[in-house]
Amino acid sequence: VTIYDLNMRRVAELENAANIGYETPLNTLWTASFDLPIDD
């Protein structure tokens, strides 16, 4: 996972992201989720 700010500047690559999941259903909204350690 890579994070970009509101101006599309790369601000972080989340090396510790876990439980990355996504759904890409046809003709509906795509969603995703991920976890980070609380102390990251």
PDB file of all heavy atoms in Angstrom:
ATOM      1  N   VAL A   1       0.852  -1.186   0.000  1.00  0.00           N
ATOM      2  CA  VAL A   1       0.000   0.000   0.000  1.00  0.00           C
ATOM      3  C   VAL A   1       0.889   1.238   0.000  1.00  0.00           C
ATOM      4  O   VAL A   1       1.843   1.320   0.769  1.00  0.00           O
ATOM      5  CB  VAL A   1      -0.902   0.008   1.260  1.00  0.00           C
ATOM      6  CG1 VAL A   1      -1.744   1.269   1.322  1.00  0.00           C
ATOM      7  CG2 VAL A   1      -1.780  -1.230   1.300  1.00  0.00           C
ATOM      8  N   THR A   2       0.548   2.204  -0.859  1.00  0.00           N
ATOM      9  CA  THR A   2       1.229   3.490  -0.887  1.00  0.00           C
ATOM     10  C   THR A   2       0.194   4.571  -0.630  1.00  0.00           C
ATOM     11  O   THR A   2      -0.908   4.522  -1.161  1.00  0.00           O
ATOM     12  CB  THR A   2       1.911   3.740  -2.249  1.00  0.00           C
ATOM     13  OG1 THR A   2       2.802   2.659  -2.518  1.00  0.00           O
ATOM     14  CG2 THR A   2       2.680   5.042  -2.258  1.00  0.00           C
ATOM     15  N   ILE A   3       0.563   5.560   0.192  1.00  0.00           N
ATOM     16  CA  ILE A   3      -0.336   6.663   0.554  1.00  0.00           C
ATOM     17  C   ILE A   3       0.127   7.938  -0.149  1.00  0.00           C
ATOM     18  O   ILE A   3       1.317   8.241  -0.178  1.00  0.00           O
ATOM     19  CB  ILE A   3      -0.343   6.903   2.080  1.00  0.00           C
ATOM     20  CG1 ILE A   3      -0.722   5.627   2.837  1.00  0.00           C
ATOM     21  CG2 ILE A   3      -1.256   8.064   2.447  1.00  0.00           C
ATOM     22  CD1 ILE A   3      -2.131   5.164   2.621  1.00  0.00           C
ATOM     23  N   TYR A   4      -0.841   8.689  -0.692  1.00  0.00           N
ATOM     24  CA  TYR A   4      -0.593   9.979  -1.331  1.00  0.00           C
ATOM     25  C   TYR A   4      -1.443  11.025  -0.625  1.00  0.00           C
ATOM     26  O   TYR A   4      -2.582  10.747  -0.229  1.00  0.00           O
ATOM     27  CB  TYR A   4      -0.985   9.938  -2.811  1.00  0.00           C
ATOM     28  CG  TYR A   4      -0.182   8.964  -3.626  1.00  0.00           C
ATOM     29  CD1 TYR A   4      -0.558   7.627  -3.707  1.00  0.00           C
ATOM     30  CD2 TYR A   4       0.961   9.372  -4.307  1.00  0.00           C
ATOM     31  CE1 TYR A   4       0.181   6.722  -4.450  1.00  0.00           C
ATOM     32  CE2 TYR A   4       1.703   8.474  -5.058  1.00  0.00           C
ATOM     33  CZ  TYR A   4       1.303   7.148  -5.122  1.00  0.00           C
ATOM     34  OH  TYR A   4       2.046   6.260  -5.861  1.00  0.00           O
ATOM     35  N   ASP A   5      -0.928  12.242  -0.511  1.00  0.00           N
ATOM     36  CA  ASP A   5      -1.714  13.304   0.114  1.00  0.00           C
ATOM     37  C   ASP A   5      -2.746  13.843  -0.873  1.00  0.00           C
ATOM     38  O   ASP A   5      -2.899  13.315  -1.985  1.00  0.00           O
ATOM     39  CB  ASP A   5      -0.819  14.401   0.691  1.00  0.00           C
ATOM     40  CG  ASP A   5      -0.075  15.217  -0.358  1.00  0.00           C
ATOM     41  OD1 ASP A   5      -0.382  15.123  -1.576  1.00  0.00           O
ATOM     42  OD2 ASP A   5       0.821  15.979   0.033  1.00  0.00           O
ATOM     43  N   LEU A   6      -3.447  14.899  -0.487  1.00  0.00           N
ATOM     44  CA  LEU A   6      -4.517  15.445  -1.329  1.00  0.00           C
ATOM     45  C   LEU A   6      -4.013  16.066  -2.622  1.00  0.00           C
ATOM     46  O   LEU A   6      -4.782  16.277  -3.558  1.00  0.00           O
ATOM     47  CB  LEU A   6      -5.332  16.469  -0.532  1.00  0.00           C
ATOM     48  CG  LEU A   6      -6.046  15.892   0.701  1.00  0.00           C
ATOM     49  CD1 LEU A   6      -6.726  17.006   1.483  1.00  0.00           C
ATOM     50  CD2 LEU A   6      -7.035  14.820   0.307  1.00  0.00           C
ATOM     51  N   ASN A   7      -2.694  16.345  -2.692  1.00  0.00           N
ATOM     52  CA  ASN A   7      -2.091  16.880  -3.910  1.00  0.00           C
ATOM     53  C   ASN A   7      -1.383  15.799  -4.716  1.00  0.00           C
ATOM     54  O   ASN A   7      -0.588  16.100  -5.599  1.00  0.00           O
ATOM     55  CB  ASN A   7      -1.108  17.994  -3.555  1.00  0.00           C
ATOM     56  CG  ASN A   7      -1.822  19.184  -2.968  1.00  0.00           C
ATOM     57  OD1 ASN A   7      -2.821  19.636  -3.509  1.00  0.00           O
ATOM     58  ND2 ASN A   7      -1.333  19.683  -1.845  1.00  0.00           N
ATOM     59  N   MET A   8      -1.676  14.535  -4.376  1.00  0.00           N
ATOM     60  CA  MET A   8      -1.104  13.364  -5.050  1.00  0.00           C
ATOM     61  C   MET A   8       0.423  13.273  -4.916  1.00  0.00           C
ATOM     62  O   MET A   8       1.097  12.731  -5.787  1.00  0.00           O
ATOM     63  CB  MET A   8      -1.520  13.313  -6.523  1.00  0.00           C
ATOM     64  CG  MET A   8      -2.967  12.917  -6.724  1.00  0.00           C
ATOM     65  SD  MET A   8      -3.393  11.313  -5.982  1.00  0.00           S
ATOM     66  CE  MET A   8      -2.401  10.193  -6.945  1.00  0.00           C
ATOM     67  N   ARG A   9       0.939  13.789  -3.806  1.00  0.00           N
ATOM     68  CA  ARG A   9       2.362  13.603  -3.499  1.00  0.00           C
ATOM     69  C   ARG A   9       2.498  12.349  -2.648  1.00  0.00           C
ATOM     70  O   ARG A   9       1.778  12.200  -1.651  1.00  0.00           O
ATOM     71  CB  ARG A   9       2.924  14.793  -2.727  1.00  0.00           C
ATOM     72  CG  ARG A   9       3.022  16.060  -3.557  1.00  0.00           C
ATOM     73  CD  ARG A   9       3.636  17.168  -2.741  1.00  0.00           C
ATOM     74  NE  ARG A   9       2.748  17.476  -1.617  1.00  0.00           N
ATOM     75  CZ  ARG A   9       2.247  18.667  -1.361  1.00  0.00           C
ATOM     76  NH1 ARG A   9       2.562  19.690  -2.116  1.00  0.00           N
ATOM     77  NH2 ARG A   9       1.445  18.870  -0.337  1.00  0.00           N
ATOM     78  N   ARG A  10       3.397  11.463  -3.029  1.00  0.00           N
ATOM     79  CA  ARG A  10       3.619  10.242  -2.248  1.00  0.00           C
ATOM     80  C   ARG A  10       4.151  10.626  -0.880  1.00  0.00           C
ATOM     81  O   ARG A  10       5.144  11.345  -0.775  1.00  0.00           O
ATOM     82  CB  ARG A  10       4.611   9.336  -2.950  1.00  0.00           C
ATOM     83  CG  ARG A  10       4.860   8.033  -2.187  1.00  0.00           C
ATOM     84  CD  ARG A  10       5.913   7.224  -2.827  1.00  0.00           C
ATOM     85  NE  ARG A  10       5.468   6.874  -4.175  1.00  0.00           N
ATOM     86  CZ  ARG A  10       5.933   5.849  -4.841  1.00  0.00           C
ATOM     87  NH1 ARG A  10       6.847   5.088  -4.328  1.00  0.00           N
ATOM     88  NH2 ARG A  10       5.489   5.600  -6.043  1.00  0.00           N
ATOM     89  N   VAL A  11       3.481  10.159   0.169  1.00  0.00           N
ATOM     90  CA  VAL A  11       3.914  10.483   1.529  1.00  0.00           C
ATOM     91  C   VAL A  11       4.377   9.260   2.312  1.00  0.00           C
ATOM     92  O   VAL A  11       5.123   9.412   3.278  1.00  0.00           O
ATOM     93  CB  VAL A  11       2.822  11.240   2.325  1.00  0.00           C
ATOM     94  CG1 VAL A  11       2.577  12.617   1.713  1.00  0.00           C
ATOM     95  CG2 VAL A  11       1.535  10.457   2.405  1.00  0.00           C
ATOM     96  N   ALA A  12       3.950   8.067   1.928  1.00  0.00           N
ATOM     97  CA  ALA A  12       4.374   6.884   2.681  1.00  0.00           C
ATOM     98  C   ALA A  12       4.106   5.607   1.904  1.00  0.00           C
ATOM     99  O   ALA A  12       3.121   5.499   1.181  1.00  0.00           O
ATOM    100  CB  ALA A  12       3.635   6.819   4.013  1.00  0.00           C
ATOM    101  N   GLU A  13       5.002   4.650   2.067  1.00  0.00           N
ATOM    102  CA  GLU A  13       4.754   3.278   1.627  1.00  0.00           C
ATOM    103  C   GLU A  13       4.625   2.459   2.897  1.00  0.00           C
ATOM    104  O   GLU A  13       5.509   2.490   3.755  1.00  0.00           O
ATOM    105  CB  GLU A  13       5.883   2.748   0.750  1.00  0.00           C
ATOM    106  CG  GLU A  13       5.531   1.398   0.180  1.00  0.00           C
ATOM    107  CD  GLU A  13       6.470   0.947  -0.918  1.00  0.00           C
ATOM    108  OE1 GLU A  13       6.754   1.732  -1.831  1.00  0.00           O
ATOM    109  OE2 GLU A  13       6.905  -0.208  -0.842  1.00  0.00           O
ATOM    110  N   LEU A  14       3.530   1.775   3.034  1.00  0.00           N
ATOM    111  CA  LEU A  14       3.200   1.091   4.282  1.00  0.00           C
ATOM    112  C   LEU A  14       3.746  -0.339   4.268  1.00  0.00           C
ATOM    113  O   LEU A  14       3.060  -1.287   3.912  1.00  0.00           O
ATOM    114  CB  LEU A  14       1.688   1.085   4.503  1.00  0.00           C
ATOM    115  CG  LEU A  14       1.012   2.451   4.446  1.00  0.00           C
ATOM    116  CD1 LEU A  14      -0.478   2.314   4.706  1.00  0.00           C
ATOM    117  CD2 LEU A  14       1.647   3.413   5.441  1.00  0.00           C
ATOM    118  N   GLU A  15       4.998  -0.471   4.690  1.00  0.00           N
ATOM    119  CA  GLU A  15       5.645  -1.777   4.715  1.00  0.00           C
ATOM    120  C   GLU A  15       4.987  -2.732   5.697  1.00  0.00           C
ATOM    121  O   GLU A  15       5.046  -3.945   5.528  1.00  0.00           O
ATOM    122  CB  GLU A  15       7.130  -1.644   5.083  1.00  0.00           C
ATOM    123  CG  GLU A  15       7.952  -0.839   4.125  1.00  0.00           C
ATOM    124  CD  GLU A  15       7.955   0.654   4.437  1.00  0.00           C
ATOM    125  OE1 GLU A  15       7.311   1.073   5.422  1.00  0.00           O
ATOM    126  OE2 GLU A  15       8.601   1.399   3.688  1.00  0.00           O
ATOM    127  N   ASN A  16       4.370  -2.187   6.739  1.00  0.00           N
ATOM    128  CA  ASN A  16       3.762  -3.027   7.772  1.00  0.00           C
ATOM    129  C   ASN A  16       2.267  -3.245   7.580  1.00  0.00           C
ATOM    130  O   ASN A  16       1.600  -3.770   8.480  1.00  0.00           O
ATOM    131  CB  ASN A  16       4.013  -2.417   9.153  1.00  0.00           C
ATOM    132  CG  ASN A  16       5.489  -2.374   9.475  1.00  0.00           C
ATOM    133  OD1 ASN A  16       6.229  -3.289   9.144  1.00  0.00           O
ATOM    134  ND2 ASN A  16       5.935  -1.302  10.105  1.00  0.00           N
ATOM    135  N   ALA A  17       1.729  -2.839   6.435  1.00  0.00           N
ATOM    136  CA  ALA A  17       0.308  -3.065   6.175  1.00  0.00           C
ATOM    137  C   ALA A  17       0.039  -4.570   6.128  1.00  0.00           C
ATOM    138  O   ALA A  17       0.831  -5.341   5.592  1.00  0.00           O
ATOM    139  CB  ALA A  17      -0.109  -2.415   4.864  1.00  0.00           C
ATOM    140  N   ALA A  18      -1.068  -4.960   6.731  1.00  0.00           N
ATOM    141  CA  ALA A  18      -1.443  -6.378   6.769  1.00  0.00           C
ATOM    142  C   ALA A  18      -2.942  -6.494   6.503  1.00  0.00           C
ATOM    143  O   ALA A  18      -3.660  -5.500   6.491  1.00  0.00           O
ATOM    144  CB  ALA A  18      -1.097  -6.970   8.126  1.00  0.00           C
ATOM    145  N   ASN A  19      -3.384  -7.704   6.311  1.00  0.00           N
ATOM    146  CA  ASN A  19      -4.807  -7.966   6.049  1.00  0.00           C
ATOM    147  C   ASN A  19      -5.338  -7.063   4.938  1.00  0.00           C
ATOM    148  O   ASN A  19      -6.431  -6.515   5.038  1.00  0.00           O
ATOM    149  CB  ASN A  19      -5.640  -7.802   7.319  1.00  0.00           C
ATOM    150  CG  ASN A  19      -5.214  -8.770   8.394  1.00  0.00           C
ATOM    151  OD1 ASN A  19      -4.889  -9.908   8.106  1.00  0.00           O
ATOM    152  ND2 ASN A  19      -5.183  -8.311   9.628  1.00  0.00           N
ATOM    153  N   ILE A  20      -4.542  -6.896   3.902  1.00  0.00           N
ATOM    154  CA  ILE A  20      -4.944  -6.066   2.769  1.00  0.00           C
ATOM    155  C   ILE A  20      -5.996  -6.831   1.979  1.00  0.00           C
ATOM    156  O   ILE A  20      -5.779  -7.968   1.567  1.00  0.00           O
ATOM    157  CB  ILE A  20      -3.742  -5.737   1.869  1.00  0.00           C
ATOM    158  CG1 ILE A  20      -2.673  -5.007   2.676  1.00  0.00           C
ATOM    159  CG2 ILE A  20      -4.181  -4.929   0.655  1.00  0.00           C
ATOM    160  CD1 ILE A  20      -1.331  -4.903   1.972  1.00  0.00           C
ATOM    161  N   GLY A  21      -7.136  -6.198   1.820  1.00  0.00           N
ATOM    162  CA  GLY A  21      -8.206  -6.835   1.076  1.00  0.00           C
ATOM    163  C   GLY A  21      -8.881  -5.840   0.164  1.00  0.00           C
ATOM    164  O   GLY A  21      -8.843  -4.639   0.408  1.00  0.00           O
ATOM    165  N   TYR A  22      -9.466  -6.334  -0.898  1.00  0.00           N
ATOM    166  CA  TYR A  22     -10.176  -5.448  -1.819  1.00  0.00           C
ATOM    167  C   TYR A  22     -11.271  -6.233  -2.518  1.00  0.00           C
ATOM    168  O   TYR A  22     -11.214  -7.451  -2.642  1.00  0.00           O
ATOM    169  CB  TYR A  22      -9.229  -4.820  -2.832  1.00  0.00           C
ATOM    170  CG  TYR A  22      -8.417  -5.809  -3.623  1.00  0.00           C
ATOM    171  CD1 TYR A  22      -8.886  -6.342  -4.811  1.00  0.00           C
ATOM    172  CD2 TYR A  22      -7.160  -6.214  -3.167  1.00  0.00           C
ATOM    173  CE1 TYR A  22      -8.140  -7.251  -5.531  1.00  0.00           C
ATOM    174  CE2 TYR A  22      -6.408  -7.132  -3.878  1.00  0.00           C
ATOM    175  CZ  TYR A  22      -6.894  -7.643  -5.059  1.00  0.00           C
ATOM    176  OH  TYR A  22      -6.157  -8.564  -5.772  1.00  0.00           O
ATOM    177  N   GLU A  23     -12.295  -5.494  -2.923  1.00  0.00           N
ATOM    178  CA  GLU A  23     -13.390  -6.053  -3.695  1.00  0.00           C
ATOM    179  C   GLU A  23     -13.568  -5.199  -4.934  1.00  0.00           C
ATOM    180  O   GLU A  23     -13.644  -3.974  -4.841  1.00  0.00           O
ATOM    181  CB  GLU A  23     -14.678  -6.056  -2.875  1.00  0.00           C
ATOM    182  CG  GLU A  23     -14.632  -6.992  -1.686  1.00  0.00           C
ATOM    183  CD  GLU A  23     -15.954  -7.054  -0.941  1.00  0.00           C
ATOM    184  OE1 GLU A  23     -17.000  -6.732  -1.539  1.00  0.00           O
ATOM    185  OE2 GLU A  23     -15.918  -7.428   0.236  1.00  0.00           O
ATOM    186  N   THR A  24     -13.619  -5.851  -6.081  1.00  0.00           N
ATOM    187  CA  THR A  24     -13.766  -5.148  -7.353  1.00  0.00           C
ATOM    188  C   THR A  24     -14.977  -5.683  -8.117  1.00  0.00           C
ATOM    189  O   THR A  24     -14.837  -6.207  -9.216  1.00  0.00           O
ATOM    190  CB  THR A  24     -12.485  -5.286  -8.199  1.00  0.00           C
ATOM    191  OG1 THR A  24     -12.228  -6.684  -8.401  1.00  0.00           O
ATOM    192  CG2 THR A  24     -11.292  -4.645  -7.526  1.00  0.00           C
ATOM    193  N   PRO A  25     -16.171  -5.540  -7.537  1.00  0.00           N
ATOM    194  CA  PRO A  25     -17.364  -6.076  -8.198  1.00  0.00           C
ATOM    195  C   PRO A  25     -17.703  -5.288  -9.470  1.00  0.00           C
ATOM    196  O   PRO A  25     -17.443  -4.086  -9.563  1.00  0.00           O
ATOM    197  CB  PRO A  25     -18.456  -5.911  -7.147  1.00  0.00           C
ATOM    198  CG  PRO A  25     -17.978  -4.825  -6.257  1.00  0.00           C
ATOM    199  CD  PRO A  25     -16.473  -4.883  -6.277  1.00  0.00           C
ATOM    200  N   LEU A  26     -18.274  -5.970 -10.406  1.00  0.00           N
ATOM    201  CA  LEU A  26     -18.670  -5.363 -11.671  1.00  0.00           C
ATOM    202  C   LEU A  26     -19.835  -4.404 -11.447  1.00  0.00           C
ATOM    203  O   LEU A  26     -20.775  -4.720 -10.723  1.00  0.00           O
ATOM    204  CB  LEU A  26     -19.073  -6.465 -12.659  1.00  0.00           C
ATOM    205  CG  LEU A  26     -19.348  -6.037 -14.087  1.00  0.00           C
ATOM    206  CD1 LEU A  26     -18.101  -5.409 -14.707  1.00  0.00           C
ATOM    207  CD2 LEU A  26     -19.783  -7.241 -14.903  1.00  0.00           C
ATOM    208  N   ASN A  27     -19.753  -3.225 -12.034  1.00  0.00           N
ATOM    209  CA  ASN A  27     -20.828  -2.226 -12.013  1.00  0.00           C
ATOM    210  C   ASN A  27     -21.211  -1.725 -10.625  1.00  0.00           C
ATOM    211  O   ASN A  27     -22.365  -1.365 -10.389  1.00  0.00           O
ATOM    212  CB  ASN A  27     -22.082  -2.755 -12.717  1.00  0.00           C
ATOM    213  CG  ASN A  27     -21.831  -2.994 -14.181  1.00  0.00           C
ATOM    214  OD1 ASN A  27     -21.064  -2.271 -14.820  1.00  0.00           O
ATOM    215  ND2 ASN A  27     -22.463  -4.015 -14.723  1.00  0.00           N
ATOM    216  N   THR A  28     -20.281  -1.716  -9.711  1.00  0.00           N
ATOM    217  CA  THR A  28     -20.540  -1.148  -8.392  1.00  0.00           C
ATOM    218  C   THR A  28     -19.227  -0.615  -7.812  1.00  0.00           C
ATOM    219  O   THR A  28     -18.161  -0.797  -8.385  1.00  0.00           O
ATOM    220  CB  THR A  28     -21.225  -2.169  -7.454  1.00  0.00           C
ATOM    221  OG1 THR A  28     -21.647  -1.502  -6.284  1.00  0.00           O
ATOM    222  CG2 THR A  28     -20.311  -3.307  -7.105  1.00  0.00           C
ATOM    223  N   LEU A  29     -19.314   0.027  -6.683  1.00  0.00           N
ATOM    224  CA  LEU A  29     -18.180   0.691  -6.055  1.00  0.00           C
ATOM    225  C   LEU A  29     -17.131  -0.296  -5.565  1.00  0.00           C
ATOM    226  O   LEU A  29     -17.453  -1.254  -4.869  1.00  0.00           O
ATOM    227  CB  LEU A  29     -18.695   1.520  -4.874  1.00  0.00           C
ATOM    228  CG  LEU A  29     -17.684   2.384  -4.145  1.00  0.00           C
ATOM    229  CD1 LEU A  29     -17.156   3.469  -5.060  1.00  0.00           C
ATOM    230  CD2 LEU A  29     -18.345   2.996  -2.928  1.00  0.00           C
ATOM    231  N   TRP A  30     -15.873  -0.055  -5.928  1.00  0.00           N
ATOM    232  CA  TRP A  30     -14.772  -0.884  -5.451  1.00  0.00           C
ATOM    233  C   TRP A  30     -14.378  -0.406  -4.059  1.00  0.00           C
ATOM    234  O   TRP A  30     -14.398   0.795  -3.768  1.00  0.00           O
ATOM    235  CB  TRP A  30     -13.584  -0.770  -6.373  1.00  0.00           C
ATOM    236  CG  TRP A  30     -13.775  -1.417  -7.711  1.00  0.00           C
ATOM    237  CD1 TRP A  30     -14.944  -1.855  -8.251  1.00  0.00           C
ATOM    238  CD2 TRP A  30     -12.768  -1.680  -8.666  1.00  0.00           C
ATOM    239  NE1 TRP A  30     -14.721  -2.373  -9.493  1.00  0.00           N
ATOM    240  CE2 TRP A  30     -13.398  -2.282  -9.780  1.00  0.00           C
ATOM    241  CE3 TRP A  30     -11.400  -1.467  -8.716  1.00  0.00           C
ATOM    242  CZ2 TRP A  30     -12.684  -2.682 -10.903  1.00  0.00           C
ATOM    243  CZ3 TRP A  30     -10.700  -1.851  -9.833  1.00  0.00           C
ATOM    244  CH2 TRP A  30     -11.342  -2.459 -10.921  1.00  0.00           C
ATOM    245  N   THR A  31     -14.035  -1.338  -3.210  1.00  0.00           N
ATOM    246  CA  THR A  31     -13.632  -1.012  -1.848  1.00  0.00           C
ATOM    247  C   THR A  31     -12.363  -1.784  -1.491  1.00  0.00           C
ATOM    248  O   THR A  31     -12.008  -2.767  -2.150  1.00  0.00           O
ATOM    249  CB  THR A  31     -14.735  -1.368  -0.838  1.00  0.00           C
ATOM    250  OG1 THR A  31     -15.018  -2.764  -0.928  1.00  0.00           O
ATOM    251  CG2 THR A  31     -15.998  -0.561  -1.103  1.00  0.00           C
ATOM    252  N   ALA A  32     -11.709  -1.312  -0.430  1.00  0.00           N
ATOM    253  CA  ALA A  32     -10.505  -1.991   0.063  1.00  0.00           C
ATOM    254  C   ALA A  32     -10.357  -1.685   1.544  1.00  0.00           C
ATOM    255  O   ALA A  32     -11.008  -0.778   2.078  1.00  0.00           O
ATOM    256  CB  ALA A  32      -9.279  -1.520  -0.701  1.00  0.00           C
ATOM    257  N   SER A  33      -9.481  -2.432   2.180  1.00  0.00           N
ATOM    258  CA  SER A  33      -9.174  -2.193   3.584  1.00  0.00           C
ATOM    259  C   SER A  33      -7.774  -2.722   3.872  1.00  0.00           C
ATOM    260  O   SER A  33      -7.254  -3.567   3.131  1.00  0.00           O
ATOM    261  CB  SER A  33     -10.200  -2.864   4.490  1.00  0.00           C
ATOM    262  OG  SER A  33     -10.216  -4.247   4.259  1.00  0.00           O
ATOM    263  N   PHE A  34      -7.192  -2.211   4.931  1.00  0.00           N
ATOM    264  CA  PHE A  34      -5.884  -2.693   5.372  1.00  0.00           C
ATOM    265  C   PHE A  34      -5.713  -2.359   6.846  1.00  0.00           C
ATOM    266  O   PHE A  34      -6.416  -1.513   7.388  1.00  0.00           O
ATOM    267  CB  PHE A  34      -4.755  -2.091   4.530  1.00  0.00           C
ATOM    268  CG  PHE A  34      -4.641  -0.599   4.602  1.00  0.00           C
ATOM    269  CD1 PHE A  34      -3.834   0.027   5.547  1.00  0.00           C
ATOM    270  CD2 PHE A  34      -5.352   0.198   3.721  1.00  0.00           C
ATOM    271  CE1 PHE A  34      -3.735   1.408   5.605  1.00  0.00           C
ATOM    272  CE2 PHE A  34      -5.267   1.581   3.773  1.00  0.00           C
ATOM    273  CZ  PHE A  34      -4.450   2.186   4.715  1.00  0.00           C
ATOM    274  N   ASP A  35      -4.787  -3.045   7.488  1.00  0.00           N
ATOM    275  CA  ASP A  35      -4.463  -2.835   8.897  1.00  0.00           C
ATOM    276  C   ASP A  35      -3.034  -2.339   9.021  1.00  0.00           C
ATOM    277  O   ASP A  35      -2.174  -2.709   8.216  1.00  0.00           O
ATOM    278  CB  ASP A  35      -4.534  -4.148   9.687  1.00  0.00           C
ATOM    279  CG  ASP A  35      -5.918  -4.721   9.796  1.00  0.00           C
ATOM    280  OD1 ASP A  35      -6.886  -4.025   9.467  1.00  0.00           O
ATOM    281  OD2 ASP A  35      -6.020  -5.883  10.238  1.00  0.00           O
ATOM    282  N   LEU A  36      -2.805  -1.529  10.047  1.00  0.00           N
ATOM    283  CA  LEU A  36      -1.449  -1.126  10.445  1.00  0.00           C
ATOM    284  C   LEU A  36      -1.329  -1.338  11.948  1.00  0.00           C
ATOM    285  O   LEU A  36      -2.304  -1.148  12.674  1.00  0.00           O
ATOM    286  CB  LEU A  36      -1.207   0.358  10.161  1.00  0.00           C
ATOM    287  CG  LEU A  36      -0.713   0.774   8.796  1.00  0.00           C
ATOM    288  CD1 LEU A  36      -0.497   2.281   8.756  1.00  0.00           C
ATOM    289  CD2 LEU A  36       0.557   0.060   8.414  1.00  0.00           C
ATOM    290  N   PRO A  37      -0.132  -1.691  12.430  1.00  0.00           N
ATOM    291  CA  PRO A  37       0.051  -1.764  13.874  1.00  0.00           C
ATOM    292  C   PRO A  37      -0.247  -0.404  14.507  1.00  0.00           C
ATOM    293  O   PRO A  37       0.045   0.641  13.917  1.00  0.00           O
ATOM    294  CB  PRO A  37       1.529  -2.125  14.039  1.00  0.00           C
ATOM    295  CG  PRO A  37       1.904  -2.769  12.738  1.00  0.00           C
ATOM    296  CD  PRO A  37       1.070  -2.083  11.696  1.00  0.00           C
ATOM    297  N   ILE A  38      -0.843  -0.426  15.695  1.00  0.00           N
ATOM    298  CA  ILE A  38      -1.197   0.820  16.374  1.00  0.00           C
ATOM    299  C   ILE A  38       0.016   1.725  16.569  1.00  0.00           C
ATOM    300  O   ILE A  38      -0.080   2.935  16.442  1.00  0.00           O
ATOM    301  CB  ILE A  38      -1.877   0.512  17.726  1.00  0.00           C
ATOM    302  CG1 ILE A  38      -3.283  -0.024  17.481  1.00  0.00           C
ATOM    303  CG2 ILE A  38      -1.932   1.746  18.628  1.00  0.00           C
ATOM    304  CD1 ILE A  38      -4.003  -0.481  18.729  1.00  0.00           C
ATOM    305  N   ASP A  39       1.168   1.130  16.834  1.00  0.00           N
ATOM    306  CA  ASP A  39       2.362   1.934  17.109  1.00  0.00           C
ATOM    307  C   ASP A  39       3.176   2.272  15.856  1.00  0.00           C
ATOM    308  O   ASP A  39       4.246   2.860  15.948  1.00  0.00           O
ATOM    309  CB  ASP A  39       3.245   1.237  18.140  1.00  0.00           C
ATOM    310  CG  ASP A  39       3.728  -0.132  17.674  1.00  0.00           C
ATOM    311  OD1 ASP A  39       3.267  -0.616  16.615  1.00  0.00           O
ATOM    312  OD2 ASP A  39       4.572  -0.727  18.372  1.00  0.00           O
ATOM    313  N   ASP A  40       2.668   1.944  14.668  1.00  0.00           N
ATOM    314  CA  ASP A  40       3.391   2.277  13.435  1.00  0.00           C
ATOM    315  C   ASP A  40       3.347   3.784  13.227  1.00  0.00           C
ATOM    316  O   ASP A  40       2.271   4.379  13.180  1.00  0.00           O
ATOM    317  CB  ASP A  40       2.745   1.567  12.241  1.00  0.00           C
ATOM    318  CG  ASP A  40       3.579   1.640  10.978  1.00  0.00           C
ATOM    319  OD1 ASP A  40       4.058   2.747  10.642  1.00  0.00           O
ATOM    320  OD2 ASP A  40       3.756   0.604  10.330  1.00  0.00           O
TER     321      ASP A  40
END
